[in-house]
N, C-alpha and C. Protein backbone atom coordinates (compact mmCIF):
# COMPACT_ATOMS: atom_id res chain seq x y z
N MET A 1 16.54 4.35 22.30
CA MET A 1 15.92 2.95 21.82
C MET A 1 17.72 2.60 21.24
N SER A 2 17.83 1.55 21.18
CA SER A 2 19.01 1.00 20.83
C SER A 2 18.99 0.88 18.99
N ASP A 3 20.24 1.15 18.50
CA ASP A 3 20.47 0.76 17.28
C ASP A 3 19.52 -0.61 16.68
N PRO A 4 19.83 -1.84 17.10
CA PRO A 4 19.32 -2.64 16.84
C PRO A 4 17.57 -2.88 16.60
N LEU A 5 16.83 -2.20 17.76
CA LEU A 5 15.82 -1.91 17.94
C LEU A 5 15.06 -0.89 16.80
N ARG A 6 15.92 -0.10 16.54
CA ARG A 6 15.42 1.11 15.59
C ARG A 6 15.40 0.29 13.79
N ARG A 7 16.36 -0.38 14.25
CA ARG A 7 16.64 -1.30 12.71
C ARG A 7 15.23 -2.13 12.15
N ILE A 8 14.83 -2.69 13.63
CA ILE A 8 13.65 -3.77 13.40
C ILE A 8 12.17 -2.79 13.27
N ASP A 9 12.43 -1.77 14.14
CA ASP A 9 11.39 -0.94 13.90
C ASP A 9 11.47 -0.39 12.22
N ALA A 10 12.29 -0.07 11.57
CA ALA A 10 12.32 0.35 10.30
C ALA A 10 12.03 -0.60 9.49
N LEU A 11 12.30 -1.99 9.66
CA LEU A 11 11.65 -3.00 8.71
C LEU A 11 10.20 -3.25 8.92
N VAL A 12 9.98 -3.16 10.33
CA VAL A 12 8.71 -3.61 10.30
C VAL A 12 7.49 -2.74 10.04
N ASP A 13 7.83 -1.06 10.05
CA ASP A 13 7.51 -0.09 9.47
C ASP A 13 6.97 0.35 7.97
N ALA A 14 8.47 -0.20 7.16
CA ALA A 14 8.80 -0.41 5.94
C ALA A 14 7.67 -1.09 5.38
N ASP A 15 7.21 -2.17 5.80
CA ASP A 15 6.49 -3.24 4.89
C ASP A 15 5.05 -3.14 5.54
N THR A 16 4.55 -2.24 6.29
CA THR A 16 3.22 -2.19 6.81
C THR A 16 2.34 -1.65 5.76
N LEU A 17 1.23 -2.19 4.97
CA LEU A 17 0.04 -1.79 4.75
C LEU A 17 -0.77 -1.35 5.13
N PRO A 18 -2.02 -0.41 4.47
CA PRO A 18 -2.98 -0.15 4.94
C PRO A 18 -4.12 -1.05 4.61
N SER A 19 -5.24 -1.48 5.00
CA SER A 19 -6.14 -1.98 4.33
C SER A 19 -6.36 -1.93 3.16
N PRO A 20 -6.76 -2.91 2.51
CA PRO A 20 -7.12 -3.01 1.22
C PRO A 20 -8.38 -2.16 0.65
N ARG A 21 -9.15 -1.59 1.22
CA ARG A 21 -10.25 -0.41 0.92
C ARG A 21 -9.44 0.32 1.02
N VAL A 22 -8.38 1.27 1.85
CA VAL A 22 -7.39 1.89 2.04
C VAL A 22 -6.70 2.31 0.57
N ARG A 23 -6.09 0.89 0.36
CA ARG A 23 -5.11 1.04 -0.59
C ARG A 23 -5.72 1.43 -2.15
N GLN A 24 -7.10 0.81 -2.57
CA GLN A 24 -8.01 1.24 -3.37
C GLN A 24 -8.14 2.95 -3.57
N GLN A 25 -8.90 3.33 -2.12
CA GLN A 25 -8.90 4.62 -2.05
C GLN A 25 -7.41 5.66 -2.49
N LEU A 26 -6.63 4.94 -1.90
CA LEU A 26 -5.27 6.00 -2.23
C LEU A 26 -4.95 6.06 -3.74
N ARG A 27 -5.30 4.81 -4.45
CA ARG A 27 -5.04 4.66 -5.76
C ARG A 27 -5.71 5.80 -6.75
N VAL A 28 -6.95 5.72 -6.09
CA VAL A 28 -8.33 6.54 -6.91
C VAL A 28 -8.23 7.87 -6.77
N ALA A 29 -8.03 8.28 -5.61
CA ALA A 29 -7.85 9.63 -5.25
C ALA A 29 -6.35 10.23 -6.24
N ALA A 30 -5.36 9.55 -6.15
CA ALA A 30 -4.50 9.77 -7.12
C ALA A 30 -4.64 9.92 -8.71
N GLY A 31 -5.78 9.22 -8.95
CA GLY A 31 -6.28 9.15 -10.16
C GLY A 31 -5.47 8.06 -11.14
N LEU A 32 -5.41 7.12 -10.66
CA LEU A 32 -4.28 6.15 -11.22
C LEU A 32 -4.90 4.83 -11.30
N THR A 33 -4.68 3.89 -12.62
CA THR A 33 -4.91 2.79 -12.92
C THR A 33 -4.73 1.87 -12.16
N GLN A 34 -5.06 0.32 -11.51
CA GLN A 34 -4.33 -0.29 -11.39
C GLN A 34 -3.13 -0.94 -12.30
N GLU A 35 -3.29 -0.88 -13.38
CA GLU A 35 -2.26 -1.17 -14.34
C GLU A 35 -1.13 -0.15 -14.13
N GLU A 36 -1.43 0.86 -14.02
CA GLU A 36 -0.06 2.01 -13.63
C GLU A 36 0.66 1.91 -12.28
N VAL A 37 -0.41 1.47 -11.09
CA VAL A 37 0.67 1.21 -10.01
C VAL A 37 1.23 -0.36 -10.18
N ALA A 38 0.80 -1.26 -11.30
CA ALA A 38 1.46 -2.78 -11.10
C ALA A 38 2.66 -2.26 -12.00
N HIS A 39 2.79 -1.42 -12.79
CA HIS A 39 3.95 -0.77 -13.90
C HIS A 39 4.80 -0.52 -13.08
N ALA A 40 4.78 0.60 -11.92
CA ALA A 40 5.43 1.12 -11.46
C ALA A 40 6.45 -0.03 -10.07
N ILE A 41 5.59 -0.83 -9.58
CA ILE A 41 5.83 -1.67 -8.77
C ILE A 41 6.55 -2.74 -9.80
N GLY A 42 6.25 -3.46 -10.42
CA GLY A 42 6.84 -4.24 -11.39
C GLY A 42 6.42 -5.33 -11.40
N VAL A 43 4.60 -5.43 -11.36
CA VAL A 43 4.12 -6.83 -11.27
C VAL A 43 2.83 -6.60 -12.09
N LYS A 44 1.90 -7.81 -12.20
CA LYS A 44 1.05 -7.70 -13.26
C LYS A 44 -0.24 -6.97 -12.70
N ARG A 45 -1.03 -6.35 -13.17
CA ARG A 45 -2.66 -5.47 -13.07
C ARG A 45 -3.05 -6.51 -12.27
N VAL A 46 -3.26 -8.08 -12.50
CA VAL A 46 -3.74 -8.88 -11.73
C VAL A 46 -3.56 -8.90 -10.31
N ALA A 47 -2.43 -8.75 -10.15
CA ALA A 47 -1.63 -8.51 -8.48
C ALA A 47 -2.41 -7.77 -7.65
N VAL A 48 -2.00 -6.60 -8.50
CA VAL A 48 -2.75 -5.41 -7.50
C VAL A 48 -4.04 -4.98 -7.39
N ALA A 49 -4.74 -5.83 -7.98
CA ALA A 49 -6.29 -5.93 -8.06
C ALA A 49 -6.69 -6.99 -6.83
N ARG A 50 -5.77 -7.80 -6.87
CA ARG A 50 -6.05 -8.93 -5.76
C ARG A 50 -5.57 -8.30 -3.92
N TRP A 51 -4.66 -7.42 -4.19
CA TRP A 51 -4.07 -6.86 -3.22
C TRP A 51 -5.26 -6.18 -2.78
N GLU A 52 -5.68 -4.99 -3.71
CA GLU A 52 -7.05 -4.25 -3.35
C GLU A 52 -8.27 -4.95 -2.69
N ALA A 53 -8.11 -6.29 -3.42
CA ALA A 53 -9.34 -6.70 -2.79
C ALA A 53 -9.21 -7.43 -1.59
N GLY A 54 -8.07 -7.81 -1.41
CA GLY A 54 -7.43 -8.46 0.02
C GLY A 54 -7.41 -9.68 0.12
N LEU A 55 -7.36 -10.44 -1.37
CA LEU A 55 -7.23 -11.88 -1.59
C LEU A 55 -5.77 -12.31 -1.54
N THR A 56 -5.02 -11.48 -1.87
CA THR A 56 -3.82 -11.87 -1.87
C THR A 56 -2.80 -11.15 -0.96
N LYS A 57 -1.71 -11.23 -0.73
CA LYS A 57 -1.04 -10.10 0.05
C LYS A 57 0.62 -10.17 -1.09
N PRO A 58 1.18 -9.04 -1.18
CA PRO A 58 2.40 -9.05 -1.79
C PRO A 58 3.76 -9.39 -1.02
N HIS A 59 4.57 -10.38 -2.10
CA HIS A 59 5.68 -10.64 -1.51
C HIS A 59 6.63 -9.60 -0.96
N ARG A 60 7.66 -10.20 -0.26
CA ARG A 60 8.39 -9.10 0.89
C ARG A 60 8.84 -8.19 -0.25
N SER A 61 9.43 -8.26 -1.20
CA SER A 61 10.08 -7.18 -2.29
C SER A 61 9.12 -6.32 -2.71
N ASN A 62 8.05 -6.75 -3.00
CA ASN A 62 7.09 -6.18 -3.64
C ASN A 62 6.63 -5.37 -2.60
N ARG A 63 5.96 -5.66 -1.70
CA ARG A 63 5.27 -5.31 -0.35
C ARG A 63 6.30 -4.08 0.06
N LEU A 64 7.64 -4.13 0.08
CA LEU A 64 8.27 -2.83 0.55
C LEU A 64 8.33 -1.72 -0.58
N LYS A 65 8.39 -2.16 -1.85
CA LYS A 65 7.52 -0.89 -2.85
C LYS A 65 6.32 -0.79 -3.08
N TYR A 66 5.41 -1.34 -2.36
CA TYR A 66 3.93 -0.97 -2.62
C TYR A 66 3.96 -0.46 -1.44
N ALA A 67 3.93 -0.68 -0.20
CA ALA A 67 3.88 0.26 1.20
C ALA A 67 4.46 1.75 0.83
N HIS A 68 5.77 1.69 0.30
CA HIS A 68 6.54 2.99 -0.03
C HIS A 68 5.63 3.70 -1.15
N PHE A 69 5.22 3.11 -2.06
CA PHE A 69 3.89 4.04 -2.86
C PHE A 69 3.01 4.16 -2.24
N LEU A 70 2.27 3.54 -1.29
CA LEU A 70 0.93 3.98 -0.64
C LEU A 70 1.40 5.06 0.20
N ARG A 71 2.38 4.93 0.91
CA ARG A 71 3.05 5.90 1.86
C ARG A 71 3.01 7.19 1.09
N ARG A 72 3.89 7.40 0.38
CA ARG A 72 3.31 8.65 -0.63
C ARG A 72 2.52 9.01 -1.28
N LEU A 73 1.64 8.38 -1.11
CA LEU A 73 -0.07 8.69 -1.88
C LEU A 73 -0.36 9.26 -0.73
N ALA A 74 -0.49 8.62 0.60
CA ALA A 74 -1.07 9.25 1.96
C ALA A 74 -0.53 10.51 1.81
N GLY A 75 0.43 10.52 2.29
CA GLY A 75 0.98 11.81 2.07
C GLY A 75 0.36 13.15 1.42
N LYS A 76 0.08 12.76 0.18
CA LYS A 76 -0.43 13.34 -1.03
C LYS A 76 -2.24 13.41 -0.79
N TYR A 77 -2.50 12.50 -0.39
CA TYR A 77 -3.88 12.34 -0.35
C TYR A 77 -4.46 11.99 1.19
N PRO A 78 -4.42 12.38 2.06
CA PRO A 78 -4.97 12.22 3.36
C PRO A 78 -5.81 11.84 3.85
N ALA A 79 -7.05 12.42 3.05
CA ALA A 79 -8.45 12.05 3.74
C ALA A 79 -8.34 10.94 2.67
N ALA A 80 -7.75 10.31 1.95
CA ALA A 80 -7.95 8.56 1.30
C ALA A 80 -7.71 7.66 1.93
N THR A 81 -7.17 8.11 3.11
CA THR A 81 -6.41 7.32 4.19
C THR A 81 -7.35 6.75 5.25
N LYS A 82 -8.74 7.40 5.28
CA LYS A 82 -9.83 7.13 6.27
C LYS A 82 -10.38 5.52 5.81
N GLU A 83 -10.98 5.53 6.77
CA GLU A 83 -11.68 4.12 6.34
C GLU A 83 -13.35 4.44 6.30
N VAL A 84 -13.97 4.24 5.46
CA VAL A 84 -15.65 4.27 5.73
C VAL A 84 -16.27 3.66 6.36
N PRO A 85 -16.89 4.18 7.61
CA PRO A 85 -17.92 3.17 8.10
C PRO A 85 -19.04 2.07 7.34
N GLY A 86 -19.03 1.40 8.02
CA GLY A 86 -20.24 0.84 7.25
C GLY A 86 -20.01 -0.10 6.04
N GLU A 87 -19.07 0.51 5.50
CA GLU A 87 -18.99 -0.03 4.10
C GLU A 87 -17.85 -1.16 3.93
N ASP A 88 -18.29 -2.39 4.05
CA ASP A 88 -17.31 -3.58 4.12
C ASP A 88 -17.71 -4.28 3.00
């Protein structure tokens, strides 16, 4: 794969977010509050609540930080990345 394509893939993968349900599951698995996540990313708690509810999506710079944060949690808590069937 050429370098430009790798850079494109890195950009796309860097800000890919799991479903809102998995976002919440990861946070809970880590024993973190929405306030703690918000503080780490640099947003208000209500923003994290809206992201987890699927009501809004983070803006680009926050999305990159949030995606990085969630990937790190997913590495520590892989079971939390599973969608629960029948729970919508």
